[in-house]
Every structure is written in C-alpha cells, then in structure tokens.
Amino acid sequence: MSRVQLEVLFGTLFVLLSGGLLLWYGLNEPKRMAEYELHQRAKAIEVGAELYDINCKGCHGPQGEGVAGLWPPLNDRHFFTNRLTEVGWSGTLEDYIISTVSGGRLVSTRPDRYPGQGRPVMPAWAESYGGPLRDDQIRNIAAFILNWKDTAPDRSTQMAEMAGPPTGTDINKELPQGDPTRGEGLANTKGCVVCHISAPTGPAWLATPDQPGIATRAEAILTDPNYTGNATSPAQYLHESIVLPNAYIVPGFQAGIMPANYGDTLTDQELADIIAYLLTLK
C-alpha cells in the first residue's frame, strides 16, 4: 500500500472516529445536561436549607410550619396550589417567593390569620432593598422552599380537623393525663418551638447556664409577688400561659406577642400533653 493510500486510510479512519465520538457525545448530551442540572439544583437546595435555617425559621418554623396566629406556613399544600391565585400573581411561584423575600412585606395579606408583629411584618432581605442577602442566596432559599412541594401537607385541613372540642380558657378545668412524648411532638407541629426554643421571642423553655428550664421557673413565678395570674401550681401556670398568655407577662417581654387563640385550637388532650412535656424541662 502506497504512502498516499495509507494517508487516505488513516484520514478516513480519523474522520469516522471523530464523527463517532461527536455522535456519541451528542446522544449523551441531554442526559449529561439533565444530571448537571439535577446536581446544581441539589446544591442550591442544600445551600438554601442553611440560609433558611439562619434567616427564616424564626418566623416560618424549622419545617416551614409557620406559627399559628402570627406567621404563615410555607410547607403547606395551599401555598403551592392556591397562593398565586389568592394574591393575583401572574408569574411563577419561584418568582413570587424571590420577590417576597427580596422586598419583604409592609403589611400582611391575611391579617385576620397571620398579622405578624410590627411593621413591616416581614423585612426586606435583598441587598438591593437594604437587606443582608445576595440575589443568588435568595434564589437558593426559593429552591429550598420549592423542594417541599411534592410532600407539603394540607395544614388548613389539619387545623380544621381537631380530635375533639377546643379546650377553652378555663384554667380550673381538669385535664386528662398528659403524655410528654406526644407533647414534644405537638410543640413542634403547633409552632411553639419557633418562639421558645429555635429563636426565642418569648421566654425560653430550655435550661441554660444562667437559668433553669421552664418547669423550674414556673414554680418560682408562683411565689413572685409581682405574679398577676391566677394559677396555684406549676402545671396550672403553664396551662394559663398557653390559653391566657396575657394573664401574666414575664419581665422583659411584651403583651400580645404570643397568639391568644390556643384555647380555640387545642383539645384538652393536646394541652395536657404539651403541659406534661413542659414539666420535664427543669
């Protein structure tokens, strides 16, 4: 075989090999891009989770459950299915989240259910609005919130389907035996831990080097001459502080911070369980 023929043969093989590689690359490019996008989205959700934990859970809860009577849930089926229609937003839910987080909210769109505290009810978080977060950080928070979509519970239904009649505000009524394990779970699902453990805006429940837990402090409060409530035992004081939160305001805090509707949203058993849990925090 002559040199020219060899060059033609090698050239042809090179073209065929190059074409084959390009064809293989082209056929696999959609899969590669999909995997890349999935990786990028997973990374955004991971970063968003950290940012949410630092900046958002204090109001909207560690799992997006919100705080009844103050701040709305985000991990909620209604948020993903009806919220855009409710506010008349014509864009995507991602855009809505980014816009709301960026600019904050001066007043609540549902003041009867979620009045928040003070004005604005939600601060602006974007640097362009005077907040602390970059645009990419806000997009990551949006990605984390959107990750709840497929598993979001119907929290409005959960609120409506009480296991019994509401407990009311009579602190002298006899409650059933409480279960502290169930009570700890209720403290999470009802949003109590948001204000009393995760980011205390009310008296902290857990013991610290400077003070004992809420159960021990309840005993001390009853002997304080400045106590203005009507409880006569630690359990009854905790009962009172839940259903009549303004009966006595712990020094250093303000009246009206805690929702006053737990007598309407808790059953006797739920209240007893929460009290049983709080009595373990000494």
C-alpha atoms as a PDB file:
ATOM      1  CA  MET A   1       0.000   0.000   0.000  1.00  0.00           C
ATOM      2  CA  SER A   2       1.435   3.329  -1.035  1.00  0.00           C
ATOM      3  CA  ARG A   3       2.014   6.236   1.286  1.00  0.00           C
ATOM      4  CA  VAL A   4      -0.858   8.169  -0.270  1.00  0.00           C
ATOM      5  CA  GLN A   5      -3.224   5.260   0.260  1.00  0.00           C
ATOM      6  CA  LEU A   6      -2.134   4.974   3.899  1.00  0.00           C
ATOM      7  CA  GLU A   7      -2.728   8.685   4.444  1.00  0.00           C
ATOM      8  CA  VAL A   8      -6.189   8.373   2.879  1.00  0.00           C
ATOM      9  CA  LEU A   9      -6.957   5.337   5.053  1.00  0.00           C
ATOM     10  CA  PHE A  10      -5.804   6.998   8.272  1.00  0.00           C
ATOM     11  CA  GLY A  11      -7.623  10.190   7.349  1.00  0.00           C
ATOM     12  CA  THR A  12     -10.824   8.270   6.717  1.00  0.00           C
ATOM     13  CA  LEU A  13     -10.482   6.381   9.995  1.00  0.00           C
ATOM     14  CA  PHE A  14      -9.834   9.646  11.829  1.00  0.00           C
ATOM     15  CA  VAL A  15     -12.943  11.242  10.322  1.00  0.00           C
ATOM     16  CA  LEU A  16     -15.057   8.190  11.164  1.00  0.00           C
ATOM     17  CA  LEU A  17     -13.697   8.060  14.720  1.00  0.00           C
ATOM     18  CA  SER A  18     -14.206  11.795  15.219  1.00  0.00           C
ATOM     19  CA  GLY A  19     -17.712  11.561  13.821  1.00  0.00           C
ATOM     20  CA  GLY A  20     -18.482   8.616  16.084  1.00  0.00           C
ATOM     21  CA  LEU A  21     -17.243  10.478  19.125  1.00  0.00           C
ATOM     22  CA  LEU A  22     -19.294  13.545  18.202  1.00  0.00           C
ATOM     23  CA  LEU A  23     -22.358  11.376  17.640  1.00  0.00           C
ATOM     24  CA  TRP A  24     -21.877   9.635  20.996  1.00  0.00           C
ATOM     25  CA  TYR A  25     -21.368  12.960  22.736  1.00  0.00           C
ATOM     26  CA  GLY A  26     -24.455  14.415  21.090  1.00  0.00           C
ATOM     27  CA  LEU A  27     -26.629  11.454  22.021  1.00  0.00           C
ATOM     28  CA  ASN A  28     -25.480  11.631  25.651  1.00  0.00           C
ATOM     29  CA  GLU A  29     -25.564  15.425  25.968  1.00  0.00           C
ATOM     30  CA  PRO A  30     -29.231  15.630  27.106  1.00  0.00           C
ATOM     31  CA  LYS A  31     -28.541  13.071  29.844  1.00  0.00           C
ATOM     32  CA  ARG A  32     -25.368  14.865  30.889  1.00  0.00           C
ATOM     33  CA  MET A  33     -27.160  18.205  30.996  1.00  0.00           C
ATOM     34  CA  ALA A  34     -30.024  16.715  32.999  1.00  0.00           C
ATOM     35  CA  GLU A  35     -27.568  15.270  35.521  1.00  0.00           C
ATOM     36  CA  TYR A  36     -25.747  18.601  35.697  1.00  0.00           C
ATOM     37  CA  GLU A  37     -28.995  20.498  36.277  1.00  0.00           C
ATOM     38  CA  LEU A  38     -30.024  17.994  38.948  1.00  0.00           C
ATOM     39  CA  HIS A  39     -26.674  18.410  40.685  1.00  0.00           C
ATOM     40  CA  GLN A  40     -26.923  22.202  40.536  1.00  0.00           C
ATOM     41  CA  ARG A  41     -30.468  22.148  41.892  1.00  0.00           C
ATOM     42  CA  ALA A  42     -29.483  19.798  44.716  1.00  0.00           C
ATOM     43  CA  LYS A  43     -26.629  22.145  45.598  1.00  0.00           C
ATOM     44  CA  ALA A  44     -28.993  25.140  45.538  1.00  0.00           C
ATOM     45  CA  ILE A  45     -31.417  23.329  47.860  1.00  0.00           C
ATOM     46  CA  GLU A  46     -28.588  22.406  50.233  1.00  0.00           C
ATOM     47  CA  VAL A  47     -27.312  25.982  50.408  1.00  0.00           C
ATOM     48  CA  GLY A  48     -30.880  27.282  50.642  1.00  0.00           C
ATOM     49  CA  ALA A  49     -31.567  24.998  53.608  1.00  0.00           C
ATOM     50  CA  GLU A  50     -28.640  26.513  55.510  1.00  0.00           C
ATOM     51  CA  LEU A  51     -29.768  30.058  54.688  1.00  0.00           C
ATOM     52  CA  TYR A  52     -33.360  29.267  55.656  1.00  0.00           C
ATOM     53  CA  ASP A  53     -32.202  27.845  58.978  1.00  0.00           C
ATOM     54  CA  ILE A  54     -30.276  31.031  59.744  1.00  0.00           C
ATOM     55  CA  ASN A  55     -32.700  33.650  58.454  1.00  0.00           C
ATOM     56  CA  CYS A  56     -36.229  32.259  58.069  1.00  0.00           C
ATOM     57  CA  LYS A  57     -37.078  29.565  60.599  1.00  0.00           C
ATOM     58  CA  GLY A  58     -37.527  32.087  63.410  1.00  0.00           C
ATOM     59  CA  CYS A  59     -40.859  33.126  61.871  1.00  0.00           C
ATOM     60  CA  HIS A  60     -41.820  30.368  59.430  1.00  0.00           C
ATOM     61  CA  GLY A  61     -40.679  27.405  61.532  1.00  0.00           C
ATOM     62  CA  PRO A  62     -37.866  24.845  61.142  1.00  0.00           C
ATOM     63  CA  GLN A  63     -40.007  22.749  58.785  1.00  0.00           C
ATOM     64  CA  GLY A  64     -41.951  25.623  57.238  1.00  0.00           C
ATOM     65  CA  GLU A  65     -44.887  25.028  59.585  1.00  0.00           C
ATOM     66  CA  GLY A  66     -45.306  28.710  60.474  1.00  0.00           C
ATOM     67  CA  VAL A  67     -46.658  29.980  63.787  1.00  0.00           C
ATOM     68  CA  ALA A  68     -50.416  29.878  64.280  1.00  0.00           C
ATOM     69  CA  GLY A  69     -51.812  33.372  64.694  1.00  0.00           C
ATOM     70  CA  LEU A  70     -48.593  35.105  63.657  1.00  0.00           C
ATOM     71  CA  TRP A  71     -46.691  33.887  60.594  1.00  0.00           C
ATOM     72  CA  PRO A  72     -47.930  31.695  57.719  1.00  0.00           C
ATOM     73  CA  PRO A  73     -46.683  28.199  56.877  1.00  0.00           C
ATOM     74  CA  LEU A  74     -44.659  27.722  53.709  1.00  0.00           C
ATOM     75  CA  ASN A  75     -44.553  23.931  53.786  1.00  0.00           C
ATOM     76  CA  ASP A  76     -48.284  23.858  53.049  1.00  0.00           C
ATOM     77  CA  ARG A  77     -50.259  22.458  50.118  1.00  0.00           C
ATOM     78  CA  HIS A  78     -52.309  25.648  49.885  1.00  0.00           C
ATOM     79  CA  PHE A  79     -49.126  27.660  49.356  1.00  0.00           C
ATOM     80  CA  PHE A  80     -48.190  25.575  46.325  1.00  0.00           C
ATOM     81  CA  THR A  81     -51.658  25.211  44.786  1.00  0.00           C
ATOM     82  CA  ASN A  82     -53.648  28.354  45.613  1.00  0.00           C
ATOM     83  CA  ARG A  83     -51.361  31.107  46.856  1.00  0.00           C
ATOM     84  CA  LEU A  84     -50.641  32.699  43.472  1.00  0.00           C
ATOM     85  CA  THR A  85     -54.346  32.912  42.646  1.00  0.00           C
ATOM     86  CA  GLU A  86     -55.066  34.272  46.112  1.00  0.00           C
ATOM     87  CA  VAL A  87     -52.702  37.213  45.649  1.00  0.00           C
ATOM     88  CA  GLY A  88     -53.284  37.655  41.900  1.00  0.00           C
ATOM     89  CA  TRP A  89     -49.686  36.862  40.930  1.00  0.00           C
ATOM     90  CA  SER A  90     -49.308  36.129  37.214  1.00  0.00           C
ATOM     91  CA  GLY A  91     -45.717  34.852  37.291  1.00  0.00           C
ATOM     92  CA  THR A  92     -44.239  31.630  38.628  1.00  0.00           C
ATOM     93  CA  LEU A  93     -44.196  30.576  42.268  1.00  0.00           C
ATOM     94  CA  GLU A  94     -40.407  30.811  42.231  1.00  0.00           C
ATOM     95  CA  ASP A  95     -40.632  34.434  41.098  1.00  0.00           C
ATOM     96  CA  TYR A  96     -43.229  35.135  43.782  1.00  0.00           C
ATOM     97  CA  ILE A  97     -41.020  33.707  46.529  1.00  0.00           C
ATOM     98  CA  ILE A  98     -37.968  35.609  45.286  1.00  0.00           C
ATOM     99  CA  SER A  99     -39.941  38.855  45.051  1.00  0.00           C
ATOM    100  CA  THR A 100     -41.457  38.484  48.517  1.00  0.00           C
ATOM    101  CA  VAL A 101     -38.192  37.533  50.205  1.00  0.00           C
ATOM    102  CA  SER A 102     -36.307  40.295  48.404  1.00  0.00           C
ATOM    103  CA  GLY A 103     -38.641  43.194  49.146  1.00  0.00           C
ATOM    104  CA  GLY A 104     -40.303  41.937  52.306  1.00  0.00           C
ATOM    105  CA  ARG A 105     -43.892  42.803  53.138  1.00  0.00           C
ATOM    106  CA  LEU A 106     -45.072  46.013  54.789  1.00  0.00           C
ATOM    107  CA  VAL A 107     -48.441  44.601  55.874  1.00  0.00           C
ATOM    108  CA  SER A 108     -49.911  41.114  55.971  1.00  0.00           C
ATOM    109  CA  THR A 109     -52.110  39.953  53.093  1.00  0.00           C
ATOM    110  CA  ARG A 110     -54.052  37.823  55.622  1.00  0.00           C
ATOM    111  CA  PRO A 111     -54.140  39.986  58.772  1.00  0.00           C
ATOM    112  CA  ASP A 112     -57.030  38.002  60.248  1.00  0.00           C
ATOM    113  CA  ARG A 113     -54.906  34.822  60.357  1.00  0.00           C
ATOM    114  CA  TYR A 114     -51.271  35.932  60.173  1.00  0.00           C
ATOM    115  CA  PRO A 115     -50.862  39.514  61.427  1.00  0.00           C
ATOM    116  CA  GLY A 116     -47.162  39.136  62.214  1.00  0.00           C
ATOM    117  CA  GLN A 117     -45.577  41.584  64.619  1.00  0.00           C
ATOM    118  CA  GLY A 118     -44.911  45.246  63.974  1.00  0.00           C
ATOM    119  CA  ARG A 119     -44.274  47.000  60.667  1.00  0.00           C
ATOM    120  CA  PRO A 120     -43.046  45.777  58.322  1.00  0.00           C
ATOM    121  CA  VAL A 121     -44.457  42.346  59.060  1.00  0.00           C
ATOM    122  CA  MET A 122     -41.606  40.872  57.013  1.00  0.00           C
ATOM    123  CA  PRO A 123     -38.298  42.698  56.476  1.00  0.00           C
ATOM    124  CA  ALA A 124     -36.634  43.070  53.093  1.00  0.00           C
ATOM    125  CA  TRP A 125     -33.800  40.559  52.719  1.00  0.00           C
ATOM    126  CA  ALA A 126     -32.186  41.514  49.403  1.00  0.00           C
ATOM    127  CA  GLU A 127     -29.128  43.757  49.374  1.00  0.00           C
ATOM    128  CA  SER A 128     -30.852  45.890  46.743  1.00  0.00           C
ATOM    129  CA  TYR A 129     -33.566  46.670  49.310  1.00  0.00           C
ATOM    130  CA  GLY A 130     -31.168  47.233  52.177  1.00  0.00           C
ATOM    131  CA  GLY A 131     -31.165  43.630  53.388  1.00  0.00           C
ATOM    132  CA  PRO A 132     -28.252  41.242  54.054  1.00  0.00           C
ATOM    133  CA  LEU A 133     -28.666  38.644  51.269  1.00  0.00           C
ATOM    134  CA  ARG A 134     -27.364  38.488  47.697  1.00  0.00           C
ATOM    135  CA  ASP A 135     -29.695  37.616  44.825  1.00  0.00           C
ATOM    136  CA  ASP A 136     -28.161  34.152  44.430  1.00  0.00           C
ATOM    137  CA  GLN A 137     -28.735  33.430  48.122  1.00  0.00           C
ATOM    138  CA  ILE A 138     -32.398  34.359  47.804  1.00  0.00           C
ATOM    139  CA  ARG A 139     -32.727  32.091  44.764  1.00  0.00           C
ATOM    140  CA  ASN A 140     -31.270  29.272  46.854  1.00  0.00           C
ATOM    141  CA  ILE A 141     -33.821  29.899  49.611  1.00  0.00           C
ATOM    142  CA  ALA A 142     -36.568  29.762  46.973  1.00  0.00           C
ATOM    143  CA  ALA A 143     -35.190  26.436  45.714  1.00  0.00           C
ATOM    144  CA  PHE A 144     -35.279  25.027  49.240  1.00  0.00           C
ATOM    145  CA  ILE A 145     -38.885  26.137  49.802  1.00  0.00           C
ATOM    146  CA  LEU A 146     -39.982  24.760  46.420  1.00  0.00           C
ATOM    147  CA  ASN A 147     -38.448  21.421  47.381  1.00  0.00           C
ATOM    148  CA  TRP A 148     -41.383  20.955  49.802  1.00  0.00           C
ATOM    149  CA  LYS A 149     -43.946  20.976  47.006  1.00  0.00           C
ATOM    150  CA  ASP A 150     -44.441  17.235  46.473  1.00  0.00           C
ATOM    151  CA  THR A 151     -44.769  16.388  50.166  1.00  0.00           C
ATOM    152  CA  ALA A 152     -46.422  19.523  51.583  1.00  0.00           C
ATOM    153  CA  PRO A 153     -49.273  18.679  53.996  1.00  0.00           C
ATOM    154  CA  ASP A 154     -52.645  20.390  53.964  1.00  0.00           C
ATOM    155  CA  ARG A 155     -52.169  22.414  57.116  1.00  0.00           C
ATOM    156  CA  SER A 156     -55.510  24.226  56.778  1.00  0.00           C
ATOM    157  CA  THR A 157     -57.223  20.813  56.890  1.00  0.00           C
ATOM    158  CA  GLN A 158     -55.107  19.765  59.843  1.00  0.00           C
ATOM    159  CA  MET A 159     -56.224  22.850  61.719  1.00  0.00           C
ATOM    160  CA  ALA A 160     -59.881  22.195  60.897  1.00  0.00           C
ATOM    161  CA  GLU A 161     -59.870  18.515  61.849  1.00  0.00           C
ATOM    162  CA  MET A 162     -59.465  18.721  65.613  1.00  0.00           C
ATOM    163  CA  ALA A 163     -59.546  15.469  67.546  1.00  0.00           C
ATOM    164  CA  GLY A 164     -62.126  16.896  69.943  1.00  0.00           C
ATOM    165  CA  PRO A 165     -63.721  20.121  71.135  1.00  0.00           C
ATOM    166  CA  PRO A 166     -61.416  23.069  71.864  1.00  0.00           C
ATOM    167  CA  THR A 167     -60.113  23.236  75.408  1.00  0.00           C
ATOM    168  CA  GLY A 168     -61.202  26.830  76.064  1.00  0.00           C
ATOM    169  CA  THR A 169     -59.675  29.222  78.597  1.00  0.00           C
ATOM    170  CA  ASP A 170     -60.828  27.827  81.958  1.00  0.00           C
ATOM    171  CA  ILE A 171     -57.600  27.028  83.801  1.00  0.00           C
ATOM    172  CA  ASN A 172     -59.511  25.346  86.628  1.00  0.00           C
ATOM    173  CA  LYS A 173     -60.877  22.556  84.442  1.00  0.00           C
ATOM    174  CA  GLU A 174     -59.489  19.078  84.995  1.00  0.00           C
ATOM    175  CA  LEU A 175     -57.334  17.876  82.111  1.00  0.00           C
ATOM    176  CA  PRO A 176     -56.651  14.249  81.165  1.00  0.00           C
ATOM    177  CA  GLN A 177     -53.315  12.586  81.870  1.00  0.00           C
ATOM    178  CA  GLY A 178     -50.690  14.097  79.596  1.00  0.00           C
ATOM    179  CA  ASP A 179     -48.030  12.314  77.561  1.00  0.00           C
ATOM    180  CA  PRO A 180     -44.717  14.246  77.406  1.00  0.00           C
ATOM    181  CA  THR A 181     -43.574  12.439  74.261  1.00  0.00           C
ATOM    182  CA  ARG A 182     -46.725  13.419  72.389  1.00  0.00           C
ATOM    183  CA  GLY A 183     -46.409  16.865  73.914  1.00  0.00           C
ATOM    184  CA  GLU A 184     -42.931  17.332  72.475  1.00  0.00           C
ATOM    185  CA  GLY A 185     -44.260  16.420  69.044  1.00  0.00           C
ATOM    186  CA  LEU A 186     -47.157  18.855  69.412  1.00  0.00           C
ATOM    187  CA  ALA A 187     -44.777  21.615  70.493  1.00  0.00           C
ATOM    188  CA  ASN A 188     -43.105  21.197  67.110  1.00  0.00           C
ATOM    189  CA  THR A 189     -46.198  20.836  64.912  1.00  0.00           C
ATOM    190  CA  LYS A 190     -48.045  23.693  66.621  1.00  0.00           C
ATOM    191  CA  GLY A 191     -45.095  26.039  66.130  1.00  0.00           C
ATOM    192  CA  CYS A 192     -44.303  26.540  69.841  1.00  0.00           C
ATOM    193  CA  VAL A 193     -40.615  25.718  69.448  1.00  0.00           C
ATOM    194  CA  VAL A 194     -40.148  28.532  66.945  1.00  0.00           C
ATOM    195  CA  CYS A 195     -40.563  31.237  69.573  1.00  0.00           C
ATOM    196  CA  HIS A 196     -39.496  29.337  72.689  1.00  0.00           C
ATOM    197  CA  ILE A 197     -36.550  27.198  71.505  1.00  0.00           C
ATOM    198  CA  SER A 198     -35.323  27.858  67.937  1.00  0.00           C
ATOM    199  CA  ALA A 199     -35.221  31.665  68.048  1.00  0.00           C
ATOM    200  CA  PRO A 200     -36.719  32.785  71.355  1.00  0.00           C
ATOM    201  CA  THR A 201     -39.044  35.773  71.065  1.00  0.00           C
ATOM    202  CA  GLY A 202     -40.828  34.533  74.181  1.00  0.00           C
ATOM    203  CA  PRO A 203     -39.427  33.052  77.409  1.00  0.00           C
ATOM    204  CA  ALA A 204     -37.009  30.255  76.513  1.00  0.00           C
ATOM    205  CA  TRP A 205     -38.090  26.793  77.639  1.00  0.00           C
ATOM    206  CA  LEU A 206     -34.772  25.001  77.891  1.00  0.00           C
ATOM    207  CA  ALA A 207     -32.310  25.317  80.743  1.00  0.00           C
ATOM    208  CA  THR A 208     -29.181  27.404  80.160  1.00  0.00           C
ATOM    209  CA  PRO A 209     -26.097  28.089  82.281  1.00  0.00           C
ATOM    210  CA  ASP A 210     -27.877  31.239  83.503  1.00  0.00           C
ATOM    211  CA  GLN A 211     -31.326  29.887  84.316  1.00  0.00           C
ATOM    212  CA  PRO A 212     -33.250  26.624  84.820  1.00  0.00           C
ATOM    213  CA  GLY A 213     -35.853  25.234  82.440  1.00  0.00           C
ATOM    214  CA  ILE A 214     -39.425  26.460  82.226  1.00  0.00           C
ATOM    215  CA  ALA A 215     -40.796  23.874  84.699  1.00  0.00           C
ATOM    216  CA  THR A 216     -38.492  25.064  87.487  1.00  0.00           C
ATOM    217  CA  ARG A 217     -39.094  28.719  86.640  1.00  0.00           C
ATOM    218  CA  ALA A 218     -42.860  28.127  86.755  1.00  0.00           C
ATOM    219  CA  GLU A 219     -42.502  27.168  90.442  1.00  0.00           C
ATOM    220  CA  ALA A 220     -40.532  30.349  91.143  1.00  0.00           C
ATOM    221  CA  ILE A 221     -43.004  32.589  89.308  1.00  0.00           C
ATOM    222  CA  LEU A 222     -45.860  31.437  91.546  1.00  0.00           C
ATOM    223  CA  THR A 223     -44.022  32.779  94.607  1.00  0.00           C
ATOM    224  CA  ASP A 224     -43.149  36.086  92.941  1.00  0.00           C
ATOM    225  CA  PRO A 225     -45.189  38.949  94.476  1.00  0.00           C
ATOM    226  CA  ASN A 226     -45.413  40.511  91.008  1.00  0.00           C
ATOM    227  CA  TYR A 227     -47.214  37.489  89.563  1.00  0.00           C
ATOM    228  CA  THR A 228     -50.622  38.689  88.314  1.00  0.00           C
ATOM    229  CA  GLY A 229     -52.196  35.422  87.178  1.00  0.00           C
ATOM    230  CA  ASN A 230     -54.488  33.005  88.977  1.00  0.00           C
ATOM    231  CA  ALA A 231     -52.562  29.726  88.861  1.00  0.00           C
ATOM    232  CA  THR A 232     -51.684  27.846  92.040  1.00  0.00           C
ATOM    233  CA  SER A 233     -49.395  25.111  90.677  1.00  0.00           C
ATOM    234  CA  PRO A 234     -46.677  24.879  88.009  1.00  0.00           C
ATOM    235  CA  ALA A 235     -48.948  22.786  85.773  1.00  0.00           C
ATOM    236  CA  GLN A 236     -51.767  25.299  86.130  1.00  0.00           C
ATOM    237  CA  TYR A 237     -49.383  28.185  85.450  1.00  0.00           C
ATOM    238  CA  LEU A 238     -48.286  26.522  82.204  1.00  0.00           C
ATOM    239  CA  HIS A 239     -51.964  25.921  81.369  1.00  0.00           C
ATOM    240  CA  GLU A 240     -52.673  29.605  81.956  1.00  0.00           C
ATOM    241  CA  SER A 241     -49.654  30.789  79.976  1.00  0.00           C
ATOM    242  CA  ILE A 242     -50.857  28.821  76.935  1.00  0.00           C
ATOM    243  CA  VAL A 243     -54.575  29.669  76.842  1.00  0.00           C
ATOM    244  CA  LEU A 244     -54.405  33.087  78.575  1.00  0.00           C
ATOM    245  CA  PRO A 245     -50.929  34.312  77.604  1.00  0.00           C
ATOM    246  CA  ASN A 246     -51.546  37.887  78.724  1.00  0.00           C
ATOM    247  CA  ALA A 247     -52.655  36.956  82.254  1.00  0.00           C
ATOM    248  CA  TYR A 248     -49.043  37.402  83.319  1.00  0.00           C
ATOM    249  CA  ILE A 249     -46.219  38.823  81.230  1.00  0.00           C
ATOM    250  CA  VAL A 250     -42.744  37.607  82.106  1.00  0.00           C
ATOM    251  CA  PRO A 251     -40.455  40.615  82.733  1.00  0.00           C
ATOM    252  CA  GLY A 252     -38.518  41.554  79.628  1.00  0.00           C
ATOM    253  CA  PHE A 253     -41.304  40.588  77.215  1.00  0.00           C
ATOM    254  CA  GLN A 254     -44.327  42.409  75.819  1.00  0.00           C
ATOM    255  CA  ALA A 255     -48.026  41.634  75.953  1.00  0.00           C
ATOM    256  CA  GLY A 256     -49.631  40.414  72.742  1.00  0.00           C
ATOM    257  CA  ILE A 257     -46.594  38.642  71.332  1.00  0.00           C
ATOM    258  CA  MET A 258     -47.969  35.134  71.867  1.00  0.00           C
ATOM    259  CA  PRO A 259     -51.147  34.145  69.978  1.00  0.00           C
ATOM    260  CA  ALA A 260     -54.161  34.188  72.278  1.00  0.00           C
ATOM    261  CA  ASN A 261     -56.172  31.586  70.363  1.00  0.00           C
ATOM    262  CA  TYR A 262     -54.688  28.326  71.617  1.00  0.00           C
ATOM    263  CA  GLY A 263     -57.810  27.757  73.681  1.00  0.00           C
ATOM    264  CA  ASP A 264     -59.625  27.513  70.345  1.00  0.00           C
ATOM    265  CA  THR A 265     -57.064  25.383  68.511  1.00  0.00           C
ATOM    266  CA  LEU A 266     -56.005  22.823  71.143  1.00  0.00           C
ATOM    267  CA  THR A 267     -58.040  19.980  72.599  1.00  0.00           C
ATOM    268  CA  ASP A 268     -57.917  19.045  76.293  1.00  0.00           C
ATOM    269  CA  GLN A 269     -55.650  16.095  75.493  1.00  0.00           C
ATOM    270  CA  GLU A 270     -53.290  18.146  73.325  1.00  0.00           C
ATOM    271  CA  LEU A 271     -52.996  20.804  76.022  1.00  0.00           C
ATOM    272  CA  ALA A 272     -52.380  18.156  78.686  1.00  0.00           C
ATOM    273  CA  ASP A 273     -49.669  16.566  76.535  1.00  0.00           C
ATOM    274  CA  ILE A 274     -47.882  19.880  75.977  1.00  0.00           C
ATOM    275  CA  ILE A 275     -48.009  20.708  79.691  1.00  0.00           C
ATOM    276  CA  ALA A 276     -46.638  17.247  80.524  1.00  0.00           C
ATOM    277  CA  TYR A 277     -43.730  17.892  78.156  1.00  0.00           C
ATOM    278  CA  LEU A 278     -43.017  21.339  79.612  1.00  0.00           C
ATOM    279  CA  LEU A 279     -42.957  19.909  83.130  1.00  0.00           C
ATOM    280  CA  THR A 280     -39.965  17.775  82.089  1.00  0.00           C
ATOM    281  CA  LEU A 281     -37.902  20.872  81.221  1.00  0.00           C
ATOM    282  CA  LYS A 282     -36.293  21.640  84.575  1.00  0.00           C
END
